[in-house]
Amino acid sequence: MESREQIVSQAQVIFREVLDNPSLVLTDELTAPKVEGWDSLNHVTLVMTLEEHFKVKFTTREVMGWRNVGEMLNCLEGKLNK
């Protein structure tokens, strides 16, 4: 079982790589409009990279329902700790 802290630190590495932003800090309240370069294409890349890294699959409904990074991480945490 992965802790929330472990999930966040791994996800942060992925976000920094995909968005080419080495100083990006993930917070639950973070949303795409607040991050330079986080466009729809990079969003798809983020989702695919997270799925690949954590060996999970998100449904379209799940992805469309995320309003911020916190909801994305909650969904990921739920899949990892089933």
PDB file of N, CA and C in Angstrom:
ATOM      1  N   MET A   1       0.838  -1.196   0.000  1.00  0.00           N
ATOM      2  CA  MET A   1       0.000   0.000   0.000  1.00  0.00           C
ATOM      3  C   MET A   1       0.872   1.245   0.000  1.00  0.00           C
ATOM      4  N   GLU A   2       0.560   2.164  -0.871  1.00  0.00           N
ATOM      5  CA  GLU A   2       1.351   3.388  -0.952  1.00  0.00           C
ATOM      6  C   GLU A   2       0.684   4.494  -0.142  1.00  0.00           C
ATOM      7  N   SER A   3       1.504   5.240   0.572  1.00  0.00           N
ATOM      8  CA  SER A   3       0.964   6.361   1.343  1.00  0.00           C
ATOM      9  C   SER A   3       0.689   7.528   0.407  1.00  0.00           C
ATOM     10  N   ARG A   4      -0.161   8.429   0.877  1.00  0.00           N
ATOM     11  CA  ARG A   4      -0.468   9.632   0.100  1.00  0.00           C
ATOM     12  C   ARG A   4       0.833  10.387  -0.224  1.00  0.00           C
ATOM     13  N   GLU A   5       1.725  10.434   0.758  1.00  0.00           N
ATOM     14  CA  GLU A   5       2.997  11.143   0.584  1.00  0.00           C
ATOM     15  C   GLU A   5       3.827  10.537  -0.551  1.00  0.00           C
ATOM     16  N   GLN A   6       3.905   9.208  -0.596  1.00  0.00           N
ATOM     17  CA  GLN A   6       4.662   8.523  -1.646  1.00  0.00           C
ATOM     18  C   GLN A   6       4.035   8.786  -3.017  1.00  0.00           C
ATOM     19  N   ILE A   7       2.723   8.744  -3.068  1.00  0.00           N
ATOM     20  CA  ILE A   7       2.010   8.966  -4.329  1.00  0.00           C
ATOM     21  C   ILE A   7       2.274  10.391  -4.823  1.00  0.00           C
ATOM     22  N   VAL A   8       2.155  11.362  -3.922  1.00  0.00           N
ATOM     23  CA  VAL A   8       2.361  12.763  -4.292  1.00  0.00           C
ATOM     24  C   VAL A   8       3.790  12.977  -4.787  1.00  0.00           C
ATOM     25  N   SER A   9       4.781  12.415  -4.093  1.00  0.00           N
ATOM     26  CA  SER A   9       6.160  12.673  -4.491  1.00  0.00           C
ATOM     27  C   SER A   9       6.463  12.053  -5.856  1.00  0.00           C
ATOM     28  N   GLN A  10       5.912  10.866  -6.132  1.00  0.00           N
ATOM     29  CA  GLN A  10       6.108  10.254  -7.453  1.00  0.00           C
ATOM     30  C   GLN A  10       5.350  11.029  -8.534  1.00  0.00           C
ATOM     31  N   ALA A  11       4.130  11.431  -8.230  1.00  0.00           N
ATOM     32  CA  ALA A  11       3.333  12.190  -9.197  1.00  0.00           C
ATOM     33  C   ALA A  11       3.994  13.530  -9.494  1.00  0.00           C
ATOM     34  N   GLN A  12       4.580  14.141  -8.479  1.00  0.00           N
ATOM     35  CA  GLN A  12       5.224  15.443  -8.675  1.00  0.00           C
ATOM     36  C   GLN A  12       6.380  15.344  -9.671  1.00  0.00           C
ATOM     37  N   VAL A  13       7.144  14.268  -9.592  1.00  0.00           N
ATOM     38  CA  VAL A  13       8.241  14.050 -10.543  1.00  0.00           C
ATOM     39  C   VAL A  13       7.680  13.986 -11.968  1.00  0.00           C
ATOM     40  N   ILE A  14       6.581  13.268 -12.134  1.00  0.00           N
ATOM     41  CA  ILE A  14       5.949  13.129 -13.449  1.00  0.00           C
ATOM     42  C   ILE A  14       5.443  14.483 -13.943  1.00  0.00           C
ATOM     43  N   PHE A  15       4.756  15.221 -13.088  1.00  0.00           N
ATOM     44  CA  PHE A  15       4.244  16.539 -13.466  1.00  0.00           C
ATOM     45  C   PHE A  15       5.393  17.464 -13.881  1.00  0.00           C
ATOM     46  N   ARG A  16       6.474  17.442 -13.123  1.00  0.00           N
ATOM     47  CA  ARG A  16       7.617  18.313 -13.432  1.00  0.00           C
ATOM     48  C   ARG A  16       8.217  17.969 -14.781  1.00  0.00           C
ATOM     49  N   GLU A  17       8.325  16.666 -15.081  1.00  0.00           N
ATOM     50  CA  GLU A  17       8.886  16.240 -16.363  1.00  0.00           C
ATOM     51  C   GLU A  17       7.968  16.601 -17.521  1.00  0.00           C
ATOM     52  N   VAL A  18       6.704  16.226 -17.398  1.00  0.00           N
ATOM     53  CA  VAL A  18       5.754  16.440 -18.496  1.00  0.00           C
ATOM     54  C   VAL A  18       5.566  17.932 -18.785  1.00  0.00           C
ATOM     55  N   LEU A  19       5.477  18.732 -17.720  1.00  0.00           N
ATOM     56  CA  LEU A  19       5.213  20.163 -17.896  1.00  0.00           C
ATOM     57  C   LEU A  19       6.506  20.982 -17.982  1.00  0.00           C
ATOM     58  N   ASP A  20       7.647  20.291 -17.941  1.00  0.00           N
ATOM     59  CA  ASP A  20       8.951  20.939 -18.035  1.00  0.00           C
ATOM     60  C   ASP A  20       9.060  22.095 -17.047  1.00  0.00           C
ATOM     61  N   ASN A  21       8.724  21.786 -15.794  1.00  0.00           N
ATOM     62  CA  ASN A  21       8.709  22.807 -14.742  1.00  0.00           C
ATOM     63  C   ASN A  21       9.327  22.193 -13.477  1.00  0.00           C
ATOM     64  N   PRO A  22      10.674  22.281 -13.347  1.00  0.00           N
ATOM     65  CA  PRO A  22      11.365  21.603 -12.242  1.00  0.00           C
ATOM     66  C   PRO A  22      11.019  22.128 -10.854  1.00  0.00           C
ATOM     67  N   SER A  23      10.390  23.281 -10.772  1.00  0.00           N
ATOM     68  CA  SER A  23      10.076  23.832  -9.447  1.00  0.00           C
ATOM     69  C   SER A  23       8.605  23.666  -9.074  1.00  0.00           C
ATOM     70  N   LEU A  24       7.840  22.987  -9.927  1.00  0.00           N
ATOM     71  CA  LEU A  24       6.409  22.796  -9.666  1.00  0.00           C
ATOM     72  C   LEU A  24       6.191  21.991  -8.391  1.00  0.00           C
ATOM     73  N   VAL A  25       5.320  22.509  -7.529  1.00  0.00           N
ATOM     74  CA  VAL A  25       4.957  21.803  -6.304  1.00  0.00           C
ATOM     75  C   VAL A  25       3.478  21.457  -6.381  1.00  0.00           C
ATOM     76  N   LEU A  26       3.163  20.174  -6.257  1.00  0.00           N
ATOM     77  CA  LEU A  26       1.769  19.749  -6.323  1.00  0.00           C
ATOM     78  C   LEU A  26       1.056  20.059  -5.016  1.00  0.00           C
ATOM     79  N   THR A  27      -0.107  20.672  -5.145  1.00  0.00           N
ATOM     80  CA  THR A  27      -0.997  20.872  -3.998  1.00  0.00           C
ATOM     81  C   THR A  27      -2.374  20.373  -4.417  1.00  0.00           C
ATOM     82  N   ASP A  28      -3.209  20.054  -3.450  1.00  0.00           N
ATOM     83  CA  ASP A  28      -4.549  19.555  -3.767  1.00  0.00           C
ATOM     84  C   ASP A  28      -5.367  20.583  -4.545  1.00  0.00           C
ATOM     85  N   GLU A  29      -5.109  21.868  -4.300  1.00  0.00           N
ATOM     86  CA  GLU A  29      -5.915  22.921  -4.918  1.00  0.00           C
ATOM     87  C   GLU A  29      -5.435  23.278  -6.328  1.00  0.00           C
ATOM     88  N   LEU A  30      -4.276  22.763  -6.731  1.00  0.00           N
ATOM     89  CA  LEU A  30      -3.687  23.146  -8.017  1.00  0.00           C
ATOM     90  C   LEU A  30      -4.601  22.758  -9.178  1.00  0.00           C
ATOM     91  N   THR A  31      -4.750  23.676 -10.137  1.00  0.00           N
ATOM     92  CA  THR A  31      -5.536  23.415 -11.337  1.00  0.00           C
ATOM     93  C   THR A  31      -4.716  23.794 -12.565  1.00  0.00           C
ATOM     94  N   ALA A  32      -5.092  23.231 -13.705  1.00  0.00           N
ATOM     95  CA  ALA A  32      -4.346  23.442 -14.950  1.00  0.00           C
ATOM     96  C   ALA A  32      -4.141  24.925 -15.302  1.00  0.00           C
ATOM     97  N   PRO A  33      -5.174  25.788 -15.171  1.00  0.00           N
ATOM     98  CA  PRO A  33      -4.978  27.188 -15.555  1.00  0.00           C
ATOM     99  C   PRO A  33      -3.892  27.902 -14.740  1.00  0.00           C
ATOM    100  N   LYS A  34      -3.556  27.356 -13.576  1.00  0.00           N
ATOM    101  CA  LYS A  34      -2.549  27.992 -12.721  1.00  0.00           C
ATOM    102  C   LYS A  34      -1.125  27.587 -13.104  1.00  0.00           C
ATOM    103  N   VAL A  35      -0.998  26.643 -14.037  1.00  0.00           N
ATOM    104  CA  VAL A  35       0.326  26.125 -14.394  1.00  0.00           C
ATOM    105  C   VAL A  35       0.629  26.400 -15.865  1.00  0.00           C
ATOM    106  N   GLU A  36       1.702  27.130 -16.104  1.00  0.00           N
ATOM    107  CA  GLU A  36       2.105  27.443 -17.466  1.00  0.00           C
ATOM    108  C   GLU A  36       2.419  26.144 -18.206  1.00  0.00           C
ATOM    109  N   GLY A  37       1.896  26.017 -19.408  1.00  0.00           N
ATOM    110  CA  GLY A  37       2.177  24.848 -20.220  1.00  0.00           C
ATOM    111  C   GLY A  37       1.264  23.657 -19.983  1.00  0.00           C
ATOM    112  N   TRP A  38       0.349  23.774 -19.008  1.00  0.00           N
ATOM    113  CA  TRP A  38      -0.566  22.658 -18.751  1.00  0.00           C
ATOM    114  C   TRP A  38      -1.785  22.828 -19.639  1.00  0.00           C
ATOM    115  N   ASP A  39      -1.651  22.377 -20.879  1.00  0.00           N
ATOM    116  CA  ASP A  39      -2.751  22.478 -21.832  1.00  0.00           C
ATOM    117  C   ASP A  39      -3.393  21.097 -22.001  1.00  0.00           C
ATOM    118  N   SER A  40      -4.342  21.008 -22.912  1.00  0.00           N
ATOM    119  CA  SER A  40      -5.078  19.749 -23.052  1.00  0.00           C
ATOM    120  C   SER A  40      -4.176  18.610 -23.517  1.00  0.00           C
ATOM    121  N   LEU A  41      -3.225  18.906 -24.376  1.00  0.00           N
ATOM    122  CA  LEU A  41      -2.306  17.867 -24.844  1.00  0.00           C
ATOM    123  C   LEU A  41      -1.442  17.355 -23.690  1.00  0.00           C
ATOM    124  N   ASN A  42      -0.891  18.277 -22.912  1.00  0.00           N
ATOM    125  CA  ASN A  42      -0.081  17.865 -21.763  1.00  0.00           C
ATOM    126  C   ASN A  42      -0.924  17.152 -20.708  1.00  0.00           C
ATOM    127  N   HIS A  43      -2.198  17.503 -20.639  1.00  0.00           N
ATOM    128  CA  HIS A  43      -3.087  16.830 -19.681  1.00  0.00           C
ATOM    129  C   HIS A  43      -3.199  15.343 -20.044  1.00  0.00           C
ATOM    130  N   VAL A  44      -3.382  15.066 -21.331  1.00  0.00           N
ATOM    131  CA  VAL A  44      -3.473  13.684 -21.797  1.00  0.00           C
ATOM    132  C   VAL A  44      -2.154  12.954 -21.511  1.00  0.00           C
ATOM    133  N   THR A  45      -1.045  13.628 -21.770  1.00  0.00           N
ATOM    134  CA  THR A  45       0.272  13.033 -21.496  1.00  0.00           C
ATOM    135  C   THR A  45       0.432  12.740 -20.014  1.00  0.00           C
ATOM    136  N   LEU A  46       0.005  13.669 -19.160  1.00  0.00           N
ATOM    137  CA  LEU A  46       0.071  13.461 -17.711  1.00  0.00           C
ATOM    138  C   LEU A  46      -0.727  12.224 -17.300  1.00  0.00           C
ATOM    139  N   VAL A  47      -1.955  12.136 -17.781  1.00  0.00           N
ATOM    140  CA  VAL A  47      -2.824  11.015 -17.419  1.00  0.00           C
ATOM    141  C   VAL A  47      -2.196   9.694 -17.880  1.00  0.00           C
ATOM    142  N   MET A  48      -1.711   9.649 -19.119  1.00  0.00           N
ATOM    143  CA  MET A  48      -1.111   8.425 -19.647  1.00  0.00           C
ATOM    144  C   MET A  48       0.165   8.058 -18.885  1.00  0.00           C
ATOM    145  N   THR A  49       0.964   9.055 -18.547  1.00  0.00           N
ATOM    146  CA  THR A  49       2.212   8.792 -17.827  1.00  0.00           C
ATOM    147  C   THR A  49       1.931   8.306 -16.412  1.00  0.00           C
ATOM    148  N   LEU A  50       0.937   8.900 -15.758  1.00  0.00           N
ATOM    149  CA  LEU A  50       0.541   8.440 -14.424  1.00  0.00           C
ATOM    150  C   LEU A  50       0.036   6.996 -14.486  1.00  0.00           C
ATOM    151  N   GLU A  51      -0.782   6.695 -15.502  1.00  0.00           N
ATOM    152  CA  GLU A  51      -1.302   5.334 -15.651  1.00  0.00           C
ATOM    153  C   GLU A  51      -0.167   4.336 -15.833  1.00  0.00           C
ATOM    154  N   GLU A  52       0.776   4.693 -16.683  1.00  0.00           N
ATOM    155  CA  GLU A  52       1.910   3.816 -16.968  1.00  0.00           C
ATOM    156  C   GLU A  52       2.781   3.622 -15.723  1.00  0.00           C
ATOM    157  N   HIS A  53       3.094   4.722 -15.052  1.00  0.00           N
ATOM    158  CA  HIS A  53       3.974   4.665 -13.883  1.00  0.00           C
ATOM    159  C   HIS A  53       3.354   3.860 -12.745  1.00  0.00           C
ATOM    160  N   PHE A  54       2.077   4.125 -12.466  1.00  0.00           N
ATOM    161  CA  PHE A  54       1.421   3.485 -11.323  1.00  0.00           C
ATOM    162  C   PHE A  54       0.686   2.188 -11.696  1.00  0.00           C
ATOM    163  N   LYS A  55       0.715   1.831 -12.998  1.00  0.00           N
ATOM    164  CA  LYS A  55       0.056   0.610 -13.487  1.00  0.00           C
ATOM    165  C   LYS A  55      -1.435   0.598 -13.138  1.00  0.00           C
ATOM    166  N   VAL A  56      -2.099   1.706 -13.474  1.00  0.00           N
ATOM    167  CA  VAL A  56      -3.548   1.816 -13.271  1.00  0.00           C
ATOM    168  C   VAL A  56      -4.183   2.310 -14.567  1.00  0.00           C
ATOM    169  N   LYS A  57      -5.502   2.259 -14.635  1.00  0.00           N
ATOM    170  CA  LYS A  57      -6.255   2.818 -15.763  1.00  0.00           C
ATOM    171  C   LYS A  57      -7.347   3.714 -15.197  1.00  0.00           C
ATOM    172  N   PHE A  58      -7.438   4.917 -15.748  1.00  0.00           N
ATOM    173  CA  PHE A  58      -8.515   5.831 -15.369  1.00  0.00           C
ATOM    174  C   PHE A  58      -9.607   5.768 -16.429  1.00  0.00           C
ATOM    175  N   THR A  59     -10.844   5.879 -16.004  1.00  0.00           N
ATOM    176  CA  THR A  59     -11.940   5.966 -16.978  1.00  0.00           C
ATOM    177  C   THR A  59     -12.056   7.417 -17.443  1.00  0.00           C
ATOM    178  N   THR A  60     -12.666   7.595 -18.593  1.00  0.00           N
ATOM    179  CA  THR A  60     -12.893   8.950 -19.108  1.00  0.00           C
ATOM    180  C   THR A  60     -13.713   9.751 -18.108  1.00  0.00           C
ATOM    181  N   ARG A  61     -14.691   9.115 -17.505  1.00  0.00           N
ATOM    182  CA  ARG A  61     -15.544   9.782 -16.514  1.00  0.00           C
ATOM    183  C   ARG A  61     -14.714  10.289 -15.337  1.00  0.00           C
ATOM    184  N   GLU A  62     -13.773   9.452 -14.865  1.00  0.00           N
ATOM    185  CA  GLU A  62     -12.912   9.862 -13.752  1.00  0.00           C
ATOM    186  C   GLU A  62     -12.096  11.094 -14.138  1.00  0.00           C
ATOM    187  N   VAL A  63     -11.450  11.009 -15.298  1.00  0.00           N
ATOM    188  CA  VAL A  63     -10.585  12.100 -15.749  1.00  0.00           C
ATOM    189  C   VAL A  63     -11.389  13.395 -15.934  1.00  0.00           C
ATOM    190  N   MET A  64     -12.568  13.277 -16.519  1.00  0.00           N
ATOM    191  CA  MET A  64     -13.399  14.464 -16.752  1.00  0.00           C
ATOM    192  C   MET A  64     -13.913  15.063 -15.441  1.00  0.00           C
ATOM    193  N   GLY A  65     -13.989  14.238 -14.404  1.00  0.00           N
ATOM    194  CA  GLY A  65     -14.544  14.692 -13.137  1.00  0.00           C
ATOM    195  C   GLY A  65     -13.560  15.424 -12.231  1.00  0.00           C
ATOM    196  N   TRP A  66     -12.265  15.301 -12.536  1.00  0.00           N
ATOM    197  CA  TRP A  66     -11.278  15.952 -11.668  1.00  0.00           C
ATOM    198  C   TRP A  66     -11.357  17.462 -11.799  1.00  0.00           C
ATOM    199  N   ARG A  67     -11.525  18.143 -10.672  1.00  0.00           N
ATOM    200  CA  ARG A  67     -11.554  19.605 -10.684  1.00  0.00           C
ATOM    201  C   ARG A  67     -10.212  20.201 -10.282  1.00  0.00           C
ATOM    202  N   ASN A  68      -9.349  19.364  -9.681  1.00  0.00           N
ATOM    203  CA  ASN A  68      -8.030  19.849  -9.258  1.00  0.00           C
ATOM    204  C   ASN A  68      -7.110  18.651  -9.032  1.00  0.00           C
ATOM    205  N   VAL A  69      -5.864  18.925  -8.717  1.00  0.00           N
ATOM    206  CA  VAL A  69      -4.874  17.865  -8.512  1.00  0.00           C
ATOM    207  C   VAL A  69      -5.269  16.962  -7.343  1.00  0.00           C
ATOM    208  N   GLY A  70      -5.855  17.539  -6.301  1.00  0.00           N
ATOM    209  CA  GLY A  70      -6.272  16.739  -5.155  1.00  0.00           C
ATOM    210  C   GLY A  70      -7.229  15.625  -5.543  1.00  0.00           C
ATOM    211  N   GLU A  71      -8.198  15.939  -6.401  1.00  0.00           N
ATOM    212  CA  GLU A  71      -9.163  14.929  -6.832  1.00  0.00           C
ATOM    213  C   GLU A  71      -8.489  13.868  -7.694  1.00  0.00           C
ATOM    214  N   MET A  72      -7.539  14.291  -8.517  1.00  0.00           N
ATOM    215  CA  MET A  72      -6.768  13.363  -9.335  1.00  0.00           C
ATOM    216  C   MET A  72      -5.985  12.393  -8.428  1.00  0.00           C
ATOM    217  N   LEU A  73      -5.333  12.948  -7.409  1.00  0.00           N
ATOM    218  CA  LEU A  73      -4.540  12.124  -6.495  1.00  0.00           C
ATOM    219  C   LEU A  73      -5.422  11.217  -5.640  1.00  0.00           C
ATOM    220  N   ASN A  74      -6.596  11.695  -5.242  1.00  0.00           N
ATOM    221  CA  ASN A  74      -7.542  10.863  -4.484  1.00  0.00           C
ATOM    222  C   ASN A  74      -7.966   9.645  -5.308  1.00  0.00           C
ATOM    223  N   CYS A  75      -8.242   9.896  -6.576  1.00  0.00           N
ATOM    224  CA  CYS A  75      -8.652   8.830  -7.488  1.00  0.00           C
ATOM    225  C   CYS A  75      -7.514   7.818  -7.633  1.00  0.00           C
ATOM    226  N   LEU A  76      -6.314   8.312  -7.837  1.00  0.00           N
ATOM    227  CA  LEU A  76      -5.133   7.454  -7.979  1.00  0.00           C
ATOM    228  C   LEU A  76      -4.900   6.642  -6.707  1.00  0.00           C
ATOM    229  N   GLU A  77      -4.983   7.317  -5.575  1.00  0.00           N
ATOM    230  CA  GLU A  77      -4.774   6.644  -4.290  1.00  0.00           C
ATOM    231  C   GLU A  77      -5.809   5.531  -4.093  1.00  0.00           C
ATOM    232  N   GLY A  78      -7.054   5.794  -4.471  1.00  0.00           N
ATOM    233  CA  GLY A  78      -8.114   4.790  -4.357  1.00  0.00           C
ATOM    234  C   GLY A  78      -7.818   3.554  -5.181  1.00  0.00           C
ATOM    235  N   LYS A  79      -7.286   3.747  -6.396  1.00  0.00           N
ATOM    236  CA  LYS A  79      -6.961   2.614  -7.268  1.00  0.00           C
ATOM    237  C   LYS A  79      -5.777   1.816  -6.725  1.00  0.00           C
ATOM    238  N   LEU A  80      -4.796   2.518  -6.161  1.00  0.00           N
ATOM    239  CA  LEU A  80      -3.592   1.842  -5.675  1.00  0.00           C
ATOM    240  C   LEU A  80      -3.835   1.078  -4.392  1.00  0.00           C
ATOM    241  N   ASN A  81      -4.795   1.524  -3.610  1.00  0.00           N
ATOM    242  CA  ASN A  81      -4.994   0.930  -2.290  1.00  0.00           C
ATOM    243  C   ASN A  81      -6.277   0.076  -2.209  1.00  0.00           C
ATOM    244  N   LYS A  82      -6.674  -0.477  -3.354  1.00  0.00           N
ATOM    245  CA  LYS A  82      -7.864  -1.347  -3.383  1.00  0.00           C
ATOM    246  C   LYS A  82      -7.579  -2.639  -2.676  1.00  0.00           C
TER     247      LYS A  82
END
